Amino acid sequence: MEATVAERGQITLPKPVRDALGLAKGSVLKVELDGGRIVLSKRVDDAISRVRGKFTLDAPMTHSEADQA
């Protein structure tokens, strides 16, 4: 896959890449140089922040409830 650098230095990531990483508008990527390569990686805290508050935890089980499970 290829991406072309636009006039203001922007690139568009190919859709298969965005889909595979779950990237959406506003996603934050970490940018690093590795020799002659540009390495983009999804920030872990970005992924965590997008799911924060979407899950609830049940009350912890008592020892007797755990034994019965």
N, C-alpha and C. Protein backbone atom coordinates (compact mmCIF):
# COMPACT_ATOMS: atom_id res chain seq x y z
N MET A 1 0.85 -1.19 0.00
CA MET A 1 0.00 0.00 0.00
C MET A 1 0.88 1.24 0.00
N GLU A 2 0.35 2.28 -0.53
CA GLU A 2 1.07 3.54 -0.59
C GLU A 2 0.18 4.68 -0.14
N ALA A 3 0.80 5.75 0.31
CA ALA A 3 0.09 6.99 0.65
C ALA A 3 0.92 8.13 0.10
N THR A 4 0.27 9.15 -0.42
CA THR A 4 0.96 10.31 -1.00
C THR A 4 0.92 11.47 -0.01
N VAL A 5 2.06 12.14 0.13
CA VAL A 5 2.13 13.31 1.01
C VAL A 5 1.52 14.50 0.28
N ALA A 6 0.54 15.14 0.92
CA ALA A 6 -0.14 16.29 0.33
C ALA A 6 0.67 17.56 0.58
N GLU A 7 0.18 18.65 0.05
CA GLU A 7 0.88 19.95 0.12
C GLU A 7 1.25 20.35 1.54
N ARG A 8 0.36 20.11 2.50
CA ARG A 8 0.62 20.53 3.89
C ARG A 8 1.25 19.43 4.73
N GLY A 9 1.79 18.39 4.07
CA GLY A 9 2.47 17.32 4.79
C GLY A 9 1.54 16.24 5.32
N GLN A 10 0.29 16.26 4.91
CA GLN A 10 -0.67 15.27 5.39
C GLN A 10 -0.68 14.05 4.48
N ILE A 11 -1.01 12.90 5.09
CA ILE A 11 -1.23 11.69 4.30
C ILE A 11 -2.59 11.11 4.69
N THR A 12 -3.15 10.33 3.80
CA THR A 12 -4.37 9.61 4.11
C THR A 12 -4.01 8.15 4.25
N LEU A 13 -4.30 7.58 5.40
CA LEU A 13 -4.02 6.16 5.60
C LEU A 13 -5.06 5.35 4.83
N PRO A 14 -4.62 4.31 4.15
CA PRO A 14 -5.57 3.49 3.40
C PRO A 14 -6.65 2.91 4.33
N LYS A 15 -7.86 2.78 3.81
CA LYS A 15 -8.98 2.30 4.60
C LYS A 15 -8.72 0.95 5.26
N PRO A 16 -8.10 -0.01 4.58
CA PRO A 16 -7.84 -1.29 5.26
C PRO A 16 -6.97 -1.13 6.52
N VAL A 17 -6.04 -0.17 6.49
CA VAL A 17 -5.19 0.09 7.65
C VAL A 17 -6.02 0.71 8.78
N ARG A 18 -6.84 1.71 8.43
CA ARG A 18 -7.70 2.35 9.45
C ARG A 18 -8.65 1.34 10.07
N ASP A 19 -9.24 0.50 9.23
CA ASP A 19 -10.18 -0.50 9.73
C ASP A 19 -9.49 -1.53 10.64
N ALA A 20 -8.32 -1.99 10.22
CA ALA A 20 -7.59 -3.02 10.99
C ALA A 20 -7.20 -2.51 12.37
N LEU A 21 -6.91 -1.22 12.47
CA LEU A 21 -6.49 -0.65 13.76
C LEU A 21 -7.63 0.04 14.50
N GLY A 22 -8.80 0.09 13.90
CA GLY A 22 -9.92 0.74 14.55
C GLY A 22 -9.73 2.25 14.66
N LEU A 23 -9.09 2.84 13.67
CA LEU A 23 -8.83 4.28 13.68
C LEU A 23 -10.04 5.04 13.15
N ALA A 24 -10.38 6.11 13.83
CA ALA A 24 -11.48 6.98 13.42
C ALA A 24 -11.00 8.42 13.52
N LYS A 25 -11.82 9.34 13.06
CA LYS A 25 -11.47 10.76 13.15
C LYS A 25 -11.11 11.09 14.60
N GLY A 26 -9.98 11.74 14.78
CA GLY A 26 -9.54 12.13 16.12
C GLY A 26 -8.63 11.12 16.79
N SER A 27 -8.45 9.93 16.19
CA SER A 27 -7.53 8.95 16.77
C SER A 27 -6.12 9.54 16.81
N VAL A 28 -5.40 9.24 17.88
CA VAL A 28 -4.05 9.77 18.04
C VAL A 28 -3.05 8.66 17.72
N LEU A 29 -2.09 8.97 16.86
CA LEU A 29 -1.04 8.03 16.51
C LEU A 29 0.29 8.54 17.02
N LYS A 30 1.13 7.62 17.45
CA LYS A 30 2.49 7.96 17.84
C LYS A 30 3.35 7.88 16.58
N VAL A 31 4.19 8.89 16.34
CA VAL A 31 5.03 8.95 15.14
C VAL A 31 6.49 8.87 15.57
N GLU A 32 7.21 7.89 15.00
CA GLU A 32 8.62 7.71 15.32
C GLU A 32 9.42 7.53 14.04
N LEU A 33 10.67 7.95 14.09
CA LEU A 33 11.59 7.70 12.98
C LEU A 33 12.48 6.53 13.36
N ASP A 34 12.65 5.59 12.44
CA ASP A 34 13.50 4.43 12.66
C ASP A 34 14.40 4.32 11.44
N GLY A 35 15.55 4.97 11.52
CA GLY A 35 16.43 5.02 10.36
C GLY A 35 15.74 5.80 9.26
N GLY A 36 15.50 5.16 8.13
CA GLY A 36 14.82 5.83 7.02
C GLY A 36 13.33 5.50 6.97
N ARG A 37 12.78 4.97 8.06
CA ARG A 37 11.37 4.60 8.07
C ARG A 37 10.59 5.48 9.04
N ILE A 38 9.33 5.70 8.71
CA ILE A 38 8.39 6.37 9.61
C ILE A 38 7.52 5.27 10.21
N VAL A 39 7.45 5.23 11.53
CA VAL A 39 6.66 4.21 12.20
C VAL A 39 5.48 4.89 12.88
N LEU A 40 4.28 4.51 12.50
CA LEU A 40 3.06 5.02 13.13
C LEU A 40 2.50 3.92 13.99
N SER A 41 2.15 4.23 15.23
CA SER A 41 1.53 3.23 16.08
C SER A 41 0.39 3.86 16.86
N LYS A 42 -0.62 3.05 17.08
CA LYS A 42 -1.80 3.51 17.81
C LYS A 42 -1.43 3.62 19.29
N ARG A 43 -1.75 4.75 19.88
CA ARG A 43 -1.46 4.93 21.30
C ARG A 43 -2.40 4.08 22.12
N VAL A 44 -1.86 3.36 23.07
CA VAL A 44 -2.66 2.48 23.91
C VAL A 44 -3.65 3.29 24.73
N ASP A 45 -3.23 4.42 25.26
CA ASP A 45 -4.14 5.21 26.09
C ASP A 45 -5.30 5.75 25.26
N ASP A 46 -5.11 5.95 23.94
CA ASP A 46 -6.21 6.38 23.08
C ASP A 46 -7.25 5.28 22.98
N ALA A 47 -6.79 4.04 22.80
CA ALA A 47 -7.71 2.92 22.71
C ALA A 47 -8.47 2.73 24.02
N ILE A 48 -7.78 2.88 25.11
CA ILE A 48 -8.41 2.73 26.42
C ILE A 48 -9.42 3.84 26.67
N SER A 49 -9.07 5.06 26.31
CA SER A 49 -9.97 6.18 26.57
C SER A 49 -11.27 6.07 25.78
N ARG A 50 -11.22 5.42 24.60
CA ARG A 50 -12.43 5.31 23.79
C ARG A 50 -13.42 4.29 24.35
N VAL A 51 -12.94 3.35 25.17
CA VAL A 51 -13.86 2.37 25.75
C VAL A 51 -14.17 2.66 27.22
N ARG A 52 -13.50 3.66 27.78
CA ARG A 52 -13.73 3.98 29.19
C ARG A 52 -15.20 4.32 29.41
N GLY A 53 -15.79 3.71 30.41
CA GLY A 53 -17.17 3.98 30.76
C GLY A 53 -18.18 3.14 30.00
N LYS A 54 -17.74 2.33 29.06
CA LYS A 54 -18.67 1.52 28.27
C LYS A 54 -18.95 0.17 28.92
N PHE A 55 -18.16 -0.20 29.90
CA PHE A 55 -18.34 -1.48 30.56
C PHE A 55 -18.58 -1.26 32.05
N THR A 56 -19.40 -2.10 32.62
CA THR A 56 -19.64 -2.03 34.06
C THR A 56 -19.19 -3.33 34.69
N LEU A 57 -18.75 -3.23 35.92
CA LEU A 57 -18.32 -4.41 36.66
C LEU A 57 -19.39 -4.79 37.66
N ASP A 58 -19.65 -6.08 37.76
CA ASP A 58 -20.57 -6.57 38.78
C ASP A 58 -19.87 -6.48 40.13
N ALA A 59 -20.67 -6.54 41.19
CA ALA A 59 -20.10 -6.55 42.54
C ALA A 59 -19.22 -7.80 42.67
N PRO A 60 -18.12 -7.69 43.41
CA PRO A 60 -17.25 -8.86 43.56
C PRO A 60 -17.99 -10.02 44.24
N MET A 61 -17.60 -11.25 43.88
CA MET A 61 -18.21 -12.43 44.49
C MET A 61 -17.61 -12.68 45.87
N THR A 62 -18.43 -13.23 46.70
CA THR A 62 -17.92 -13.69 48.01
C THR A 62 -17.23 -15.02 47.78
N HIS A 63 -16.48 -15.48 48.76
CA HIS A 63 -15.79 -16.77 48.63
C HIS A 63 -16.79 -17.90 48.42
N SER A 64 -17.91 -17.88 49.14
CA SER A 64 -18.89 -18.96 49.00
C SER A 64 -19.54 -18.92 47.61
N GLU A 65 -19.78 -17.72 47.06
CA GLU A 65 -20.34 -17.62 45.71
C GLU A 65 -19.34 -18.16 44.68
N ALA A 66 -18.07 -17.88 44.87
CA ALA A 66 -17.02 -18.37 43.96
C ALA A 66 -16.93 -19.88 44.03
N ASP A 67 -17.07 -20.45 45.21
CA ASP A 67 -17.02 -21.90 45.37
C ASP A 67 -18.18 -22.57 44.65
N GLN A 68 -19.33 -21.92 44.63
CA GLN A 68 -20.52 -22.49 43.99
C GLN A 68 -20.49 -22.34 42.47
N ALA A 69 -19.70 -21.41 41.97
CA ALA A 69 -19.68 -21.12 40.53
C ALA A 69 -18.94 -22.17 39.73
